[in-house]
């Protein structure tokens, strides 16, 4: 592999690590939003039903109020059960951790590019160093969950915006802005 091909491959690894890492962060944000979207209403509904039942314990509420309280109680239980079953909070943490892993990989590639992008010929060992980065990339890909399409598209869109709005940054430089 030529020196130019090695540096080009490193830049491609950098771009892919940045995009995949950002995609995982987007997936984490979405999963956490879903977790809260189920959890907050479940807590509020449970508190409302509990307070209502406590407040009317001495009175004998009319049948429609008992039916409403029962329905709201069932809804709160269903939301809590869904929240537990779907495990969005755990999913968010797994994606956040994956994003951090790709961020660390990207920083290692930054160091590689800082060391070698302006050197020709490349010193002995540069290609082997990049090959190790490639193996780490493969291990990360194997050990992380799939990225939802919507999260990937959002991250890609944001990265394209970043290259238009911030030329001269490492992101803009790496993506060819």
N, C-alpha and C. Protein backbone atom coordinates (compact mmCIF):
# COMPACT_ATOMS: atom_id res chain seq x y z
N UNK A 1 0.86 -1.17 0.00
CA UNK A 1 0.00 0.00 0.00
C UNK A 1 0.90 1.23 0.00
N UNK A 2 0.58 2.20 -0.85
CA UNK A 2 1.39 3.41 -0.92
C UNK A 2 1.13 4.29 0.29
N UNK A 3 2.04 5.25 0.49
CA UNK A 3 1.90 6.18 1.61
C UNK A 3 0.60 6.96 1.51
N UNK A 4 0.27 7.41 0.30
CA UNK A 4 -0.95 8.19 0.11
C UNK A 4 -2.19 7.33 0.40
N UNK A 5 -2.16 6.07 -0.03
CA UNK A 5 -3.29 5.18 0.24
C UNK A 5 -3.46 4.96 1.74
N UNK A 6 -2.36 4.86 2.46
CA UNK A 6 -2.42 4.65 3.91
C UNK A 6 -3.06 5.85 4.60
N UNK A 7 -2.66 7.04 4.24
CA UNK A 7 -3.22 8.26 4.83
C UNK A 7 -4.69 8.41 4.41
N UNK A 8 -5.01 8.10 3.17
CA UNK A 8 -6.39 8.17 2.70
C UNK A 8 -7.26 7.18 3.47
N UNK A 9 -6.74 5.99 3.71
CA UNK A 9 -7.47 5.00 4.49
C UNK A 9 -7.68 5.50 5.92
N UNK A 10 -6.67 6.11 6.50
CA UNK A 10 -6.81 6.66 7.86
C UNK A 10 -7.89 7.73 7.89
N UNK A 11 -7.94 8.58 6.89
CA UNK A 11 -8.98 9.61 6.83
C UNK A 11 -10.37 8.98 6.69
N UNK A 12 -10.46 7.92 5.91
CA UNK A 12 -11.74 7.23 5.78
C UNK A 12 -12.16 6.59 7.11
N UNK A 13 -11.19 5.97 7.79
CA UNK A 13 -11.48 5.42 9.12
C UNK A 13 -11.96 6.53 10.05
N UNK A 14 -11.31 7.69 10.00
CA UNK A 14 -11.69 8.82 10.86
C UNK A 14 -13.13 9.23 10.59
N UNK A 15 -13.45 9.41 9.32
CA UNK A 15 -14.80 9.82 8.93
C UNK A 15 -15.83 8.79 9.38
N UNK A 16 -15.55 7.51 9.15
CA UNK A 16 -16.48 6.46 9.53
C UNK A 16 -16.65 6.39 11.05
N UNK A 17 -15.54 6.51 11.79
CA UNK A 17 -15.62 6.47 13.26
C UNK A 17 -16.42 7.67 13.77
N UNK A 18 -16.21 8.83 13.18
CA UNK A 18 -16.96 10.03 13.60
C UNK A 18 -18.45 9.85 13.31
N UNK A 19 -18.78 9.37 12.15
CA UNK A 19 -20.19 9.19 11.78
C UNK A 19 -20.86 8.11 12.62
N UNK A 20 -20.20 6.98 12.78
CA UNK A 20 -20.80 5.89 13.54
C UNK A 20 -20.92 6.28 15.02
N UNK A 21 -19.89 6.93 15.55
CA UNK A 21 -19.96 7.37 16.94
C UNK A 21 -21.10 8.35 17.16
N UNK A 22 -21.23 9.32 16.27
CA UNK A 22 -22.32 10.30 16.39
C UNK A 22 -23.68 9.61 16.23
N UNK A 23 -23.75 8.61 15.36
CA UNK A 23 -25.00 7.87 15.17
C UNK A 23 -25.39 7.15 16.45
N UNK A 24 -24.42 6.57 17.13
CA UNK A 24 -24.71 5.89 18.40
C UNK A 24 -25.19 6.90 19.45
N UNK A 25 -24.58 8.07 19.49
CA UNK A 25 -25.06 9.10 20.43
C UNK A 25 -26.49 9.52 20.11
N UNK A 26 -26.81 9.64 18.83
CA UNK A 26 -28.19 9.98 18.43
C UNK A 26 -29.15 8.86 18.85
N UNK A 27 -28.73 7.60 18.67
CA UNK A 27 -29.57 6.48 19.07
C UNK A 27 -29.77 6.49 20.60
N UNK A 28 -28.74 6.85 21.34
CA UNK A 28 -28.85 6.93 22.80
C UNK A 28 -29.84 8.02 23.20
N UNK A 29 -29.75 9.17 22.55
CA UNK A 29 -30.69 10.27 22.85
C UNK A 29 -32.13 9.83 22.59
N UNK A 30 -32.34 9.15 21.49
CA UNK A 30 -33.68 8.72 21.12
C UNK A 30 -34.22 7.68 22.11
N UNK A 31 -33.37 6.72 22.50
CA UNK A 31 -33.80 5.70 23.45
C UNK A 31 -34.11 6.32 24.81
N UNK A 32 -33.29 7.28 25.23
CA UNK A 32 -33.54 7.95 26.50
C UNK A 32 -34.83 8.76 26.44
N UNK A 33 -35.09 9.40 25.31
CA UNK A 33 -36.35 10.14 25.14
C UNK A 33 -37.54 9.18 25.25
N UNK A 34 -37.43 8.01 24.63
CA UNK A 34 -38.52 7.03 24.70
C UNK A 34 -38.71 6.53 26.13
N UNK A 35 -37.60 6.31 26.82
CA UNK A 35 -37.68 5.88 28.22
C UNK A 35 -38.46 6.90 29.05
N UNK A 36 -38.11 8.15 28.87
CA UNK A 36 -38.79 9.21 29.63
C UNK A 36 -40.23 9.39 29.18
N UNK A 37 -40.49 9.19 27.91
CA UNK A 37 -41.85 9.33 27.39
C UNK A 37 -42.80 8.29 27.98
N UNK A 38 -42.27 7.16 28.37
CA UNK A 38 -43.09 6.16 29.03
C UNK A 38 -43.08 6.36 30.55
N UNK A 39 -41.93 6.71 31.08
CA UNK A 39 -41.78 6.79 32.53
C UNK A 39 -42.48 7.96 33.19
N UNK A 40 -42.36 9.14 32.61
CA UNK A 40 -42.97 10.33 33.22
C UNK A 40 -44.49 10.19 33.31
N UNK A 41 -45.17 9.82 32.22
CA UNK A 41 -46.63 9.65 32.35
C UNK A 41 -47.01 8.54 33.34
N UNK A 42 -46.22 7.46 33.37
CA UNK A 42 -46.53 6.37 34.31
C UNK A 42 -46.46 6.87 35.75
N UNK A 43 -45.44 7.63 36.06
CA UNK A 43 -45.30 8.16 37.42
C UNK A 43 -46.42 9.15 37.73
N UNK A 44 -46.68 10.06 36.81
CA UNK A 44 -47.73 11.06 37.04
C UNK A 44 -49.11 10.42 37.20
N UNK A 45 -49.41 9.47 36.33
CA UNK A 45 -50.71 8.79 36.42
C UNK A 45 -50.84 7.99 37.72
N UNK A 46 -49.77 7.30 38.09
CA UNK A 46 -49.80 6.54 39.34
C UNK A 46 -50.01 7.45 40.54
N UNK A 47 -49.31 8.56 40.54
CA UNK A 47 -49.46 9.51 41.65
C UNK A 47 -50.87 10.10 41.69
N UNK A 48 -51.40 10.39 40.51
CA UNK A 48 -52.75 10.95 40.44
C UNK A 48 -53.78 9.95 40.97
N UNK A 49 -53.69 8.72 40.52
CA UNK A 49 -54.63 7.70 40.97
C UNK A 49 -54.49 7.47 42.48
N UNK A 50 -53.26 7.37 42.95
CA UNK A 50 -53.04 7.15 44.37
C UNK A 50 -53.59 8.28 45.22
N UNK A 51 -53.36 9.51 44.79
CA UNK A 51 -53.86 10.67 45.53
C UNK A 51 -55.38 10.71 45.50
N UNK A 52 -55.95 10.42 44.35
CA UNK A 52 -57.41 10.45 44.20
C UNK A 52 -58.06 9.38 45.09
N UNK A 53 -57.50 8.21 45.08
CA UNK A 53 -58.07 7.13 45.89
C UNK A 53 -57.95 7.47 47.37
N UNK A 54 -56.79 8.01 47.77
CA UNK A 54 -56.60 8.39 49.17
C UNK A 54 -57.58 9.49 49.57
N UNK A 55 -57.75 10.48 48.70
CA UNK A 55 -58.61 11.62 49.01
C UNK A 55 -60.08 11.21 49.10
N UNK A 56 -60.48 10.22 48.34
CA UNK A 56 -61.89 9.83 48.33
C UNK A 56 -62.14 8.55 49.13
N UNK A 57 -61.18 8.14 49.94
CA UNK A 57 -61.34 6.89 50.69
C UNK A 57 -62.52 6.97 51.65
N UNK A 58 -62.76 8.12 52.21
CA UNK A 58 -63.87 8.27 53.15
C UNK A 58 -65.20 8.38 52.44
N UNK A 59 -65.19 8.95 51.26
CA UNK A 59 -66.42 9.10 50.50
C UNK A 59 -66.64 7.86 49.64
N UNK A 60 -67.80 7.75 49.15
CA UNK A 60 -68.10 6.68 48.22
C UNK A 60 -68.25 7.33 46.84
N UNK A 61 -67.18 7.33 46.03
CA UNK A 61 -67.27 8.00 44.74
C UNK A 61 -68.26 7.31 43.82
N UNK A 62 -68.80 8.12 42.92
CA UNK A 62 -69.75 7.59 41.95
C UNK A 62 -69.05 6.58 41.05
N UNK A 63 -69.85 5.72 40.45
CA UNK A 63 -69.33 4.66 39.59
C UNK A 63 -68.45 5.20 38.44
N UNK A 64 -68.84 6.29 37.74
CA UNK A 64 -67.97 6.77 36.65
C UNK A 64 -66.57 7.15 37.16
N UNK A 65 -66.47 7.73 38.36
CA UNK A 65 -65.15 8.09 38.89
C UNK A 65 -64.33 6.85 39.22
N UNK A 66 -64.99 5.82 39.71
CA UNK A 66 -64.27 4.58 39.99
C UNK A 66 -63.76 3.95 38.70
N UNK A 67 -64.57 4.01 37.66
CA UNK A 67 -64.15 3.45 36.36
C UNK A 67 -62.98 4.24 35.80
N UNK A 68 -63.06 5.56 35.88
CA UNK A 68 -61.97 6.42 35.38
C UNK A 68 -60.69 6.13 36.17
N UNK A 69 -60.81 6.06 37.50
CA UNK A 69 -59.63 5.79 38.34
C UNK A 69 -59.03 4.43 37.99
N UNK A 70 -59.88 3.44 37.77
CA UNK A 70 -59.39 2.11 37.40
C UNK A 70 -58.70 2.12 36.05
N UNK A 71 -59.29 2.83 35.08
CA UNK A 71 -58.69 2.91 33.74
C UNK A 71 -57.34 3.62 33.78
N UNK A 72 -57.27 4.72 34.52
CA UNK A 72 -56.00 5.46 34.64
C UNK A 72 -54.96 4.60 35.34
N UNK A 73 -55.39 3.86 36.35
CA UNK A 73 -54.48 2.97 37.06
C UNK A 73 -53.94 1.88 36.13
N UNK A 74 -54.81 1.31 35.30
CA UNK A 74 -54.37 0.30 34.32
C UNK A 74 -53.40 0.90 33.30
N UNK A 75 -53.70 2.11 32.85
CA UNK A 75 -52.82 2.78 31.90
C UNK A 75 -51.44 3.02 32.52
N UNK A 76 -51.39 3.48 33.76
CA UNK A 76 -50.12 3.71 34.44
C UNK A 76 -49.34 2.40 34.56
N UNK A 77 -50.02 1.33 34.91
CA UNK A 77 -49.36 0.02 35.03
C UNK A 77 -48.84 -0.45 33.68
N UNK A 78 -49.64 -0.25 32.64
CA UNK A 78 -49.21 -0.66 31.29
C UNK A 78 -47.98 0.12 30.85
N UNK A 79 -47.97 1.43 31.10
CA UNK A 79 -46.80 2.24 30.74
C UNK A 79 -45.56 1.79 31.50
N UNK A 80 -45.71 1.53 32.78
CA UNK A 80 -44.58 1.07 33.59
C UNK A 80 -44.08 -0.30 33.09
N UNK A 81 -45.00 -1.17 32.74
CA UNK A 81 -44.62 -2.49 32.22
C UNK A 81 -43.89 -2.36 30.88
N UNK A 82 -44.39 -1.50 30.01
CA UNK A 82 -43.71 -1.27 28.73
C UNK A 82 -42.31 -0.71 28.94
N UNK A 83 -42.20 0.22 29.84
CA UNK A 83 -40.90 0.83 30.13
C UNK A 83 -39.90 -0.24 30.58
N UNK A 84 -40.35 -1.14 31.43
CA UNK A 84 -39.49 -2.22 31.91
C UNK A 84 -39.18 -3.20 30.79
N UNK A 85 -40.18 -3.58 30.04
CA UNK A 85 -40.01 -4.57 28.98
C UNK A 85 -39.12 -4.07 27.84
N UNK A 86 -39.31 -2.84 27.42
CA UNK A 86 -38.58 -2.31 26.27
C UNK A 86 -37.15 -1.90 26.60
N UNK A 87 -36.85 -1.67 27.88
CA UNK A 87 -35.50 -1.39 28.37
C UNK A 87 -34.80 -0.27 27.59
N UNK A 88 -35.50 0.81 27.35
CA UNK A 88 -34.91 1.92 26.61
C UNK A 88 -33.73 2.54 27.35
N UNK A 89 -33.78 2.57 28.66
CA UNK A 89 -32.67 3.16 29.42
C UNK A 89 -31.39 2.35 29.22
N UNK A 90 -31.51 1.03 29.23
CA UNK A 90 -30.35 0.17 28.98
C UNK A 90 -29.86 0.34 27.55
N UNK A 91 -30.77 0.41 26.62
CA UNK A 91 -30.40 0.61 25.22
C UNK A 91 -29.65 1.92 25.05
N UNK A 92 -30.13 2.97 25.71
CA UNK A 92 -29.46 4.27 25.64
C UNK A 92 -28.03 4.16 26.15
N UNK A 93 -27.83 3.47 27.25
CA UNK A 93 -26.49 3.34 27.83
C UNK A 93 -25.56 2.56 26.90
N UNK A 94 -26.07 1.51 26.28
CA UNK A 94 -25.25 0.72 25.36
C UNK A 94 -24.82 1.58 24.16
N UNK A 95 -25.75 2.37 23.62
CA UNK A 95 -25.40 3.24 22.48
C UNK A 95 -24.45 4.36 22.92
N UNK A 96 -24.65 4.90 24.11
CA UNK A 96 -23.75 5.95 24.61
C UNK A 96 -22.34 5.40 24.76
N UNK A 97 -22.23 4.21 25.29
CA UNK A 97 -20.93 3.57 25.46
C UNK A 97 -20.28 3.29 24.09
N UNK A 98 -21.08 2.86 23.13
CA UNK A 98 -20.56 2.62 21.78
C UNK A 98 -20.07 3.93 21.16
N UNK A 99 -20.84 5.00 21.34
CA UNK A 99 -20.42 6.30 20.83
C UNK A 99 -19.09 6.73 21.43
N UNK A 100 -18.93 6.49 22.73
CA UNK A 100 -17.66 6.84 23.39
C UNK A 100 -16.51 6.00 22.84
N UNK A 101 -16.77 4.73 22.56
CA UNK A 101 -15.73 3.88 21.98
C UNK A 101 -15.28 4.36 20.62
N UNK A 102 -16.24 4.75 19.79
CA UNK A 102 -15.88 5.28 18.47
C UNK A 102 -15.20 6.65 18.59
N UNK A 103 -15.57 7.42 19.61
CA UNK A 103 -14.89 8.70 19.84
C UNK A 103 -13.43 8.48 20.20
N UNK A 104 -13.16 7.49 21.04
CA UNK A 104 -11.77 7.18 21.41
C UNK A 104 -10.99 6.71 20.18
N UNK A 105 -11.62 5.89 19.36
CA UNK A 105 -10.97 5.43 18.13
C UNK A 105 -10.67 6.61 17.21
N UNK A 106 -11.61 7.52 17.09
CA UNK A 106 -11.41 8.70 16.25
C UNK A 106 -10.23 9.54 16.75
N UNK A 107 -10.12 9.69 18.06
CA UNK A 107 -8.99 10.46 18.61
C UNK A 107 -7.66 9.77 18.33
N UNK A 108 -7.64 8.44 18.38
CA UNK A 108 -6.42 7.71 18.03
C UNK A 108 -6.06 7.93 16.56
N UNK A 109 -7.06 7.97 15.71
CA UNK A 109 -6.81 8.22 14.28
C UNK A 109 -6.33 9.67 14.10
N UNK A 110 -6.87 10.60 14.88
CA UNK A 110 -6.36 11.98 14.86
C UNK A 110 -4.87 11.99 15.12
N UNK A 111 -4.44 11.25 16.12
CA UNK A 111 -3.01 11.19 16.44
C UNK A 111 -2.21 10.58 15.30
N UNK A 112 -2.74 9.53 14.71
CA UNK A 112 -2.07 8.91 13.56
C UNK A 112 -1.91 9.93 12.43
N UNK A 113 -2.99 10.62 12.12
CA UNK A 113 -2.93 11.60 11.03
C UNK A 113 -1.99 12.76 11.37
N UNK A 114 -1.99 13.18 12.61
CA UNK A 114 -1.08 14.26 13.02
C UNK A 114 0.37 13.81 12.84
N UNK A 115 0.65 12.56 13.19
CA UNK A 115 2.00 12.03 13.07
C UNK A 115 2.43 11.82 11.63
N UNK A 116 1.51 11.31 10.79
CA UNK A 116 1.95 10.78 9.50
C UNK A 116 1.40 11.47 8.25
N UNK A 117 0.41 12.32 8.34
CA UNK A 117 -0.22 12.81 7.11
C UNK A 117 0.72 13.68 6.27
N UNK A 118 1.69 14.35 6.87
CA UNK A 118 2.62 15.19 6.10
C UNK A 118 3.96 14.53 5.86
N UNK A 119 4.09 13.25 6.15
CA UNK A 119 5.38 12.58 6.01
C UNK A 119 5.36 11.65 4.81
N UNK A 120 6.38 11.74 4.04
CA UNK A 120 6.54 10.83 2.92
C UNK A 120 8.03 10.61 2.72
N UNK A 121 8.48 9.43 2.72
CA UNK A 121 7.74 8.19 2.89
C UNK A 121 7.35 7.99 4.36
N UNK A 122 6.34 7.18 4.54
CA UNK A 122 5.90 6.88 5.90
C UNK A 122 6.95 6.01 6.58
N UNK A 123 7.16 6.24 7.87
CA UNK A 123 8.15 5.42 8.57
C UNK A 123 7.67 3.97 8.70
N UNK A 124 8.62 3.10 8.92
CA UNK A 124 8.29 1.69 9.14
C UNK A 124 7.36 1.60 10.34
N UNK A 125 6.35 0.82 10.22
CA UNK A 125 5.42 0.64 11.33
C UNK A 125 4.14 1.45 11.21
N UNK A 126 4.12 2.46 10.33
CA UNK A 126 2.92 3.29 10.21
C UNK A 126 1.73 2.46 9.71
N UNK A 127 2.00 1.64 8.69
CA UNK A 127 0.91 0.82 8.15
C UNK A 127 0.41 -0.17 9.20
N UNK A 128 1.34 -0.78 9.93
CA UNK A 128 0.95 -1.73 10.97
C UNK A 128 0.13 -1.04 12.06
N UNK A 129 0.49 0.20 12.38
CA UNK A 129 -0.28 0.97 13.37
C UNK A 129 -1.71 1.19 12.87
N UNK A 130 -1.84 1.52 11.60
CA UNK A 130 -3.18 1.73 11.04
C UNK A 130 -3.94 0.40 10.97
N UNK A 131 -3.23 -0.70 10.71
CA UNK A 131 -3.88 -2.01 10.68
C UNK A 131 -4.45 -2.34 12.07
N UNK A 132 -3.73 -1.97 13.14
CA UNK A 132 -4.25 -2.18 14.49
C UNK A 132 -5.52 -1.36 14.72
N UNK A 133 -5.51 -0.13 14.21
CA UNK A 133 -6.71 0.72 14.31
C UNK A 133 -7.87 0.04 13.58
N UNK A 134 -7.59 -0.51 12.41
CA UNK A 134 -8.63 -1.21 11.64
C UNK A 134 -9.19 -2.40 12.40
N UNK A 135 -8.33 -3.14 13.09
CA UNK A 135 -8.80 -4.27 13.88
C UNK A 135 -9.67 -3.80 15.05
N UNK A 136 -9.26 -2.70 15.70
CA UNK A 136 -10.08 -2.13 16.78
C UNK A 136 -11.45 -1.70 16.25
N UNK A 137 -11.44 -1.12 15.06
CA UNK A 137 -12.69 -0.71 14.41
C UNK A 137 -13.60 -1.92 14.23
N UNK A 138 -13.03 -3.02 13.74
CA UNK A 138 -13.82 -4.24 13.52
C UNK A 138 -14.35 -4.80 14.83
N UNK A 139 -13.54 -4.78 15.88
CA UNK A 139 -13.98 -5.26 17.18
C UNK A 139 -15.13 -4.42 17.72
N UNK A 140 -15.00 -3.10 17.60
CA UNK A 140 -16.08 -2.22 18.04
C UNK A 140 -17.37 -2.53 17.28
N UNK A 141 -17.26 -2.67 15.98
CA UNK A 141 -18.45 -2.94 15.16
C UNK A 141 -19.11 -4.25 15.58
N UNK A 142 -18.30 -5.23 15.94
CA UNK A 142 -18.83 -6.53 16.33
C UNK A 142 -19.52 -6.47 17.70
N UNK A 143 -19.01 -5.60 18.58
CA UNK A 143 -19.49 -5.56 19.97
C UNK A 143 -20.54 -4.50 20.24
N UNK A 144 -21.00 -3.79 19.22
CA UNK A 144 -21.98 -2.72 19.45
C UNK A 144 -23.28 -3.04 18.74
N UNK A 145 -24.38 -2.49 19.25
CA UNK A 145 -25.68 -2.79 18.64
C UNK A 145 -25.83 -2.10 17.29
N UNK A 146 -26.74 -2.58 16.48
CA UNK A 146 -26.99 -1.91 15.20
C UNK A 146 -27.54 -0.50 15.44
N UNK A 147 -27.24 0.37 14.51
CA UNK A 147 -27.68 1.76 14.61
C UNK A 147 -29.01 1.89 13.88
N UNK A 148 -30.03 2.43 14.55
CA UNK A 148 -31.29 2.67 13.85
C UNK A 148 -31.09 3.63 12.67
N UNK A 149 -31.78 3.38 11.60
CA UNK A 149 -31.63 4.19 10.38
C UNK A 149 -31.85 5.67 10.62
N UNK A 150 -32.84 6.02 11.42
CA UNK A 150 -33.14 7.43 11.68
C UNK A 150 -31.97 8.12 12.39
N UNK A 151 -31.33 7.42 13.31
CA UNK A 151 -30.20 7.99 14.04
C UNK A 151 -29.01 8.19 13.10
N UNK A 152 -28.78 7.22 12.22
CA UNK A 152 -27.69 7.33 11.25
C UNK A 152 -27.92 8.52 10.32
N UNK A 153 -29.14 8.63 9.80
CA UNK A 153 -29.44 9.73 8.88
C UNK A 153 -29.29 11.09 9.55
N UNK A 154 -29.72 11.19 10.81
CA UNK A 154 -29.60 12.44 11.54
C UNK A 154 -28.13 12.81 11.76
N UNK A 155 -27.33 11.82 12.14
CA UNK A 155 -25.90 12.08 12.35
C UNK A 155 -25.22 12.47 11.04
N UNK A 156 -25.56 11.80 9.96
CA UNK A 156 -24.99 12.12 8.65
C UNK A 156 -25.36 13.55 8.25
N UNK A 157 -26.60 13.91 8.46
CA UNK A 157 -27.06 15.27 8.14
C UNK A 157 -26.29 16.30 8.97
N UNK A 158 -26.13 16.04 10.25
CA UNK A 158 -25.41 16.98 11.11
C UNK A 158 -23.94 17.09 10.72
N UNK A 159 -23.34 15.98 10.32
CA UNK A 159 -21.93 16.03 9.90
C UNK A 159 -21.78 16.83 8.61
N UNK A 160 -22.72 16.66 7.71
CA UNK A 160 -22.66 17.45 6.47
C UNK A 160 -22.82 18.92 6.78
N UNK A 161 -23.73 19.26 7.70
CA UNK A 161 -23.90 20.66 8.13
C UNK A 161 -22.63 21.19 8.76
N UNK A 162 -21.95 20.36 9.55
CA UNK A 162 -20.73 20.80 10.23
C UNK A 162 -19.63 21.13 9.22
N UNK A 163 -19.57 20.38 8.13
CA UNK A 163 -18.53 20.67 7.14
C UNK A 163 -18.83 21.97 6.41
N UNK A 164 -20.12 22.33 6.30
CA UNK A 164 -20.46 23.60 5.65
C UNK A 164 -20.27 24.79 6.58
N UNK A 165 -20.50 24.58 7.87
CA UNK A 165 -20.50 25.72 8.78
C UNK A 165 -19.17 25.91 9.50
N UNK A 166 -18.31 24.91 9.50
CA UNK A 166 -17.08 25.03 10.27
C UNK A 166 -15.85 24.58 9.47
N UNK A 167 -15.59 25.23 8.33
CA UNK A 167 -14.38 24.84 7.59
C UNK A 167 -13.15 25.16 8.42
N UNK A 168 -12.14 24.34 8.25
CA UNK A 168 -10.92 24.54 9.01
C UNK A 168 -10.88 23.74 10.29
N UNK A 169 -12.01 23.18 10.70
CA UNK A 169 -12.01 22.32 11.87
C UNK A 169 -11.54 20.94 11.44
N UNK A 170 -11.18 20.10 12.40
CA UNK A 170 -10.74 18.77 12.02
C UNK A 170 -11.86 18.01 11.32
N UNK A 171 -13.10 18.24 11.72
CA UNK A 171 -14.22 17.59 11.03
C UNK A 171 -14.29 18.02 9.59
N UNK A 172 -14.24 19.32 9.36
CA UNK A 172 -14.29 19.82 7.99
C UNK A 172 -13.10 19.35 7.18
N UNK A 173 -11.92 19.32 7.79
CA UNK A 173 -10.72 18.87 7.08
C UNK A 173 -10.83 17.39 6.71
N UNK A 174 -11.29 16.57 7.65
CA UNK A 174 -11.35 15.14 7.42
C UNK A 174 -12.41 14.76 6.40
N UNK A 175 -13.50 15.52 6.37
CA UNK A 175 -14.57 15.18 5.47
C UNK A 175 -14.43 15.86 4.11
N UNK A 176 -13.37 16.59 3.94
CA UNK A 176 -13.11 17.18 2.65
C UNK A 176 -13.82 18.48 2.38
N UNK A 177 -14.13 19.25 3.42
CA UNK A 177 -14.81 20.53 3.22
C UNK A 177 -13.87 21.56 2.63
